Amino acid sequence: MDYTSHRGLDRKVIEDLATCHWIRNGRNVILTGATGVGKTWLACAFSNRACREGLSVRYYRVPRLAHELTLARGDGSFLKLLGAVILL
C-alpha cells in the first residue's frame, strides 16, 4: 500500500480494517471517493483478507445494492438481507 500519495488514507485505519474485527462486530464499511482512487482495489483486498480469515463476503456496488434492497423489501426478505450485507 502506497501511503505517500494524496489519497487521504490513514495507515492505522487501513491496518485496523485489515484485521476484520469490524466484520466480527457486525459493522459495515462504505468506501467513498473520486473515480480512480482505489475504492474497488481496497474492497477486494479487504474481502480477500476476510475470506482468508474464514469469513463470508458480499461485495455490492451502490446501484446493485439499491436494486437488491428494493427487491428484498418487496418480497419480505429485507431484514434478512440487511443482516447478511457487509458494505464495502
N, C-alpha and C. Protein backbone atom coordinates (compact mmCIF):
# COMPACT_ATOMS: atom_id res chain seq x y z
N MET A 1 0.87 -1.17 0.00
CA MET A 1 0.00 0.00 0.00
C MET A 1 0.91 1.22 0.00
N ASP A 2 0.62 2.12 -0.91
CA ASP A 2 1.38 3.36 -1.02
C ASP A 2 0.66 4.45 -0.25
N TYR A 3 1.21 4.82 0.89
CA TYR A 3 0.60 5.86 1.71
C TYR A 3 1.15 7.25 1.40
N THR A 4 2.09 7.34 0.46
CA THR A 4 2.69 8.63 0.15
C THR A 4 1.84 9.44 -0.83
N SER A 5 0.93 8.79 -1.55
CA SER A 5 0.07 9.52 -2.48
C SER A 5 -0.95 10.33 -1.68
N HIS A 6 -1.59 11.23 -2.35
CA HIS A 6 -2.52 12.15 -1.69
C HIS A 6 -3.95 11.63 -1.75
N ARG A 7 -4.15 10.40 -1.31
CA ARG A 7 -5.48 9.80 -1.32
C ARG A 7 -6.19 9.97 0.03
N GLY A 8 -5.48 10.44 1.02
CA GLY A 8 -6.10 10.64 2.32
C GLY A 8 -6.26 9.36 3.12
N LEU A 9 -5.46 8.34 2.81
CA LEU A 9 -5.54 7.08 3.54
C LEU A 9 -4.80 7.18 4.86
N ASP A 10 -5.43 6.71 5.90
CA ASP A 10 -4.82 6.68 7.23
C ASP A 10 -4.33 5.26 7.47
N ARG A 11 -3.02 5.11 7.63
CA ARG A 11 -2.41 3.79 7.78
C ARG A 11 -3.05 3.00 8.92
N LYS A 12 -3.31 3.64 10.05
CA LYS A 12 -3.90 2.94 11.19
C LYS A 12 -5.30 2.43 10.89
N VAL A 13 -6.09 3.22 10.17
CA VAL A 13 -7.45 2.80 9.81
C VAL A 13 -7.40 1.61 8.87
N ILE A 14 -6.54 1.67 7.87
CA ILE A 14 -6.41 0.57 6.91
C ILE A 14 -5.95 -0.70 7.62
N GLU A 15 -4.96 -0.58 8.48
CA GLU A 15 -4.46 -1.76 9.22
C GLU A 15 -5.54 -2.32 10.14
N ASP A 16 -6.33 -1.46 10.76
CA ASP A 16 -7.42 -1.93 11.61
C ASP A 16 -8.49 -2.65 10.80
N LEU A 17 -8.84 -2.10 9.64
CA LEU A 17 -9.82 -2.75 8.79
C LEU A 17 -9.32 -4.11 8.31
N ALA A 18 -8.02 -4.23 8.09
CA ALA A 18 -7.43 -5.49 7.62
C ALA A 18 -7.51 -6.60 8.67
N THR A 19 -7.76 -6.26 9.93
CA THR A 19 -7.89 -7.29 10.97
C THR A 19 -9.23 -8.00 10.91
N CYS A 20 -10.19 -7.42 10.23
CA CYS A 20 -11.55 -7.96 10.08
C CYS A 20 -12.36 -7.91 11.38
N HIS A 21 -11.90 -7.18 12.38
CA HIS A 21 -12.68 -7.05 13.62
C HIS A 21 -14.03 -6.40 13.35
N TRP A 22 -14.07 -5.50 12.40
CA TRP A 22 -15.32 -4.80 12.07
C TRP A 22 -16.37 -5.79 11.59
N ILE A 23 -15.96 -6.83 10.87
CA ILE A 23 -16.92 -7.84 10.41
C ILE A 23 -17.41 -8.66 11.58
N ARG A 24 -16.50 -9.09 12.42
CA ARG A 24 -16.87 -9.90 13.58
C ARG A 24 -17.78 -9.13 14.55
N ASN A 25 -17.67 -7.82 14.54
CA ASN A 25 -18.50 -6.98 15.40
C ASN A 25 -19.80 -6.55 14.71
N GLY A 26 -20.08 -7.12 13.53
CA GLY A 26 -21.33 -6.81 12.83
C GLY A 26 -21.38 -5.41 12.24
N ARG A 27 -20.22 -4.85 11.93
CA ARG A 27 -20.15 -3.50 11.37
C ARG A 27 -20.04 -3.56 9.86
N ASN A 28 -20.35 -2.46 9.20
CA ASN A 28 -20.24 -2.34 7.75
C ASN A 28 -19.19 -1.30 7.40
N VAL A 29 -18.69 -1.39 6.19
CA VAL A 29 -17.75 -0.39 5.68
C VAL A 29 -18.28 0.10 4.35
N ILE A 30 -18.30 1.40 4.19
CA ILE A 30 -18.67 2.01 2.92
C ILE A 30 -17.46 2.83 2.47
N LEU A 31 -16.94 2.49 1.31
CA LEU A 31 -15.80 3.21 0.75
C LEU A 31 -16.32 4.25 -0.23
N THR A 32 -15.92 5.49 -0.04
CA THR A 32 -16.33 6.56 -0.94
C THR A 32 -15.10 7.30 -1.43
N GLY A 33 -15.25 7.98 -2.53
CA GLY A 33 -14.15 8.78 -3.07
C GLY A 33 -14.31 8.98 -4.56
N ALA A 34 -13.42 9.77 -5.09
CA ALA A 34 -13.45 10.08 -6.52
C ALA A 34 -13.09 8.85 -7.35
N THR A 35 -13.42 8.91 -8.61
CA THR A 35 -13.08 7.84 -9.55
C THR A 35 -11.57 7.68 -9.61
N GLY A 36 -11.13 6.43 -9.56
CA GLY A 36 -9.72 6.14 -9.74
C GLY A 36 -8.84 6.21 -8.51
N VAL A 37 -9.43 6.38 -7.33
CA VAL A 37 -8.60 6.47 -6.13
C VAL A 37 -8.31 5.12 -5.49
N GLY A 38 -8.97 4.06 -5.96
CA GLY A 38 -8.68 2.73 -5.45
C GLY A 38 -9.73 2.11 -4.56
N LYS A 39 -10.97 2.57 -4.65
CA LYS A 39 -12.04 2.01 -3.80
C LYS A 39 -12.25 0.53 -4.08
N THR A 40 -12.32 0.16 -5.34
CA THR A 40 -12.54 -1.24 -5.70
C THR A 40 -11.36 -2.08 -5.26
N TRP A 41 -10.16 -1.59 -5.44
CA TRP A 41 -8.95 -2.31 -5.03
C TRP A 41 -8.99 -2.58 -3.53
N LEU A 42 -9.33 -1.56 -2.75
CA LEU A 42 -9.43 -1.74 -1.30
C LEU A 42 -10.53 -2.72 -0.93
N ALA A 43 -11.68 -2.61 -1.57
CA ALA A 43 -12.78 -3.52 -1.28
C ALA A 43 -12.37 -4.96 -1.56
N CYS A 44 -11.69 -5.18 -2.66
CA CYS A 44 -11.22 -6.53 -2.99
C CYS A 44 -10.18 -7.01 -2.00
N ALA A 45 -9.29 -6.12 -1.58
CA ALA A 45 -8.25 -6.50 -0.62
C ALA A 45 -8.87 -6.87 0.73
N PHE A 46 -9.83 -6.07 1.21
CA PHE A 46 -10.49 -6.39 2.48
C PHE A 46 -11.30 -7.67 2.36
N SER A 47 -11.96 -7.86 1.23
CA SER A 47 -12.75 -9.08 1.01
C SER A 47 -11.85 -10.31 0.98
N ASN A 48 -10.74 -10.20 0.29
CA ASN A 48 -9.79 -11.30 0.21
C ASN A 48 -9.29 -11.67 1.60
N ARG A 49 -8.94 -10.66 2.39
CA ARG A 49 -8.46 -10.90 3.75
C ARG A 49 -9.54 -11.59 4.59
N ALA A 50 -10.77 -11.14 4.46
CA ALA A 50 -11.87 -11.73 5.23
C ALA A 50 -12.06 -13.19 4.85
N CYS A 51 -11.99 -13.49 3.56
CA CYS A 51 -12.12 -14.89 3.12
C CYS A 51 -11.00 -15.75 3.68
N ARG A 52 -9.81 -15.20 3.72
CA ARG A 52 -8.66 -15.94 4.29
C ARG A 52 -8.84 -16.18 5.79
N GLU A 53 -9.66 -15.34 6.42
CA GLU A 53 -9.97 -15.49 7.84
C GLU A 53 -11.17 -16.41 8.06
N GLY A 54 -11.70 -16.96 6.97
CA GLY A 54 -12.83 -17.88 7.06
C GLY A 54 -14.18 -17.19 7.15
N LEU A 55 -14.25 -15.92 6.80
CA LEU A 55 -15.49 -15.15 6.85
C LEU A 55 -16.14 -15.10 5.47
N SER A 56 -17.45 -14.97 5.45
CA SER A 56 -18.18 -14.82 4.19
C SER A 56 -18.20 -13.36 3.78
N VAL A 57 -18.21 -13.12 2.50
CA VAL A 57 -18.13 -11.76 1.99
C VAL A 57 -19.17 -11.56 0.89
N ARG A 58 -19.78 -10.39 0.89
CA ARG A 58 -20.62 -9.94 -0.22
C ARG A 58 -20.12 -8.56 -0.61
N TYR A 59 -19.95 -8.36 -1.88
CA TYR A 59 -19.48 -7.07 -2.39
C TYR A 59 -20.57 -6.50 -3.29
N TYR A 60 -21.00 -5.28 -3.00
CA TYR A 60 -22.01 -4.62 -3.80
C TYR A 60 -21.52 -3.24 -4.21
N ARG A 61 -21.77 -2.90 -5.45
CA ARG A 61 -21.65 -1.51 -5.85
C ARG A 61 -23.01 -0.89 -5.51
N VAL A 62 -23.07 0.39 -5.29
CA VAL A 62 -24.29 1.04 -4.79
C VAL A 62 -25.51 0.79 -5.68
N PRO A 63 -25.42 0.89 -7.00
CA PRO A 63 -26.63 0.65 -7.80
C PRO A 63 -27.20 -0.75 -7.60
N ARG A 64 -26.34 -1.75 -7.55
CA ARG A 64 -26.83 -3.11 -7.36
C ARG A 64 -27.40 -3.30 -5.95
N LEU A 65 -26.73 -2.73 -4.96
CA LEU A 65 -27.23 -2.83 -3.59
C LEU A 65 -28.62 -2.21 -3.49
N ALA A 66 -28.81 -1.04 -4.09
CA ALA A 66 -30.12 -0.39 -4.05
C ALA A 66 -31.17 -1.27 -4.71
N HIS A 67 -30.82 -1.88 -5.82
CA HIS A 67 -31.75 -2.77 -6.52
C HIS A 67 -32.09 -3.98 -5.65
N GLU A 68 -31.07 -4.61 -5.07
CA GLU A 68 -31.30 -5.78 -4.21
C GLU A 68 -32.16 -5.43 -3.00
N LEU A 69 -31.93 -4.26 -2.41
CA LEU A 69 -32.72 -3.83 -1.26
C LEU A 69 -34.17 -3.58 -1.66
N THR A 70 -34.37 -3.00 -2.83
CA THR A 70 -35.73 -2.77 -3.33
C THR A 70 -36.47 -4.09 -3.53
N LEU A 71 -35.80 -5.05 -4.15
CA LEU A 71 -36.42 -6.36 -4.36
C LEU A 71 -36.72 -7.04 -3.02
N ALA A 72 -35.77 -6.95 -2.09
CA ALA A 72 -35.95 -7.60 -0.79
C ALA A 72 -37.11 -6.97 -0.02
N ARG A 73 -37.26 -5.68 -0.14
CA ARG A 73 -38.38 -5.02 0.54
C ARG A 73 -39.70 -5.53 -0.02
N GLY A 74 -39.73 -5.77 -1.33
CA GLY A 74 -40.95 -6.25 -1.98
C GLY A 74 -41.31 -7.69 -1.65
N ASP A 75 -40.29 -8.53 -1.47
CA ASP A 75 -40.59 -9.95 -1.22
C ASP A 75 -40.51 -10.34 0.26
N GLY A 76 -40.29 -9.35 1.13
CA GLY A 76 -40.29 -9.61 2.56
C GLY A 76 -38.98 -10.09 3.15
N SER A 77 -37.92 -10.10 2.36
CA SER A 77 -36.63 -10.57 2.87
C SER A 77 -35.68 -9.43 3.21
N PHE A 78 -36.21 -8.22 3.36
CA PHE A 78 -35.39 -7.02 3.59
C PHE A 78 -34.50 -7.15 4.82
N LEU A 79 -35.07 -7.51 5.96
CA LEU A 79 -34.28 -7.61 7.18
C LEU A 79 -33.24 -8.73 7.10
N LYS A 80 -33.60 -9.81 6.44
CA LYS A 80 -32.64 -10.90 6.25
C LYS A 80 -31.46 -10.43 5.42
N LEU A 81 -31.74 -9.70 4.34
CA LEU A 81 -30.66 -9.18 3.50
C LEU A 81 -29.80 -8.19 4.28
N LEU A 82 -30.42 -7.31 5.03
CA LEU A 82 -29.64 -6.36 5.82
C LEU A 82 -28.73 -7.06 6.81
N GLY A 83 -29.19 -8.14 7.36
CA GLY A 83 -28.37 -8.90 8.30
C GLY A 83 -27.20 -9.60 7.65
N ALA A 84 -27.29 -9.82 6.36
CA ALA A 84 -26.24 -10.53 5.64
C ALA A 84 -25.28 -9.61 4.90
N VAL A 85 -25.65 -8.35 4.73
CA VAL A 85 -24.87 -7.46 3.90
C VAL A 85 -23.74 -6.82 4.70
N ILE A 86 -22.58 -6.90 4.11
CA ILE A 86 -21.44 -6.14 4.60
C ILE A 86 -21.05 -5.22 3.47
N LEU A 87 -21.14 -3.95 3.69
CA LEU A 87 -20.89 -2.98 2.63
C LEU A 87 -19.42 -2.67 2.53
N LEU A 88 -18.93 -2.75 1.28
CA LEU A 88 -17.56 -2.37 1.02
C LEU A 88 -17.53 -1.34 -0.06
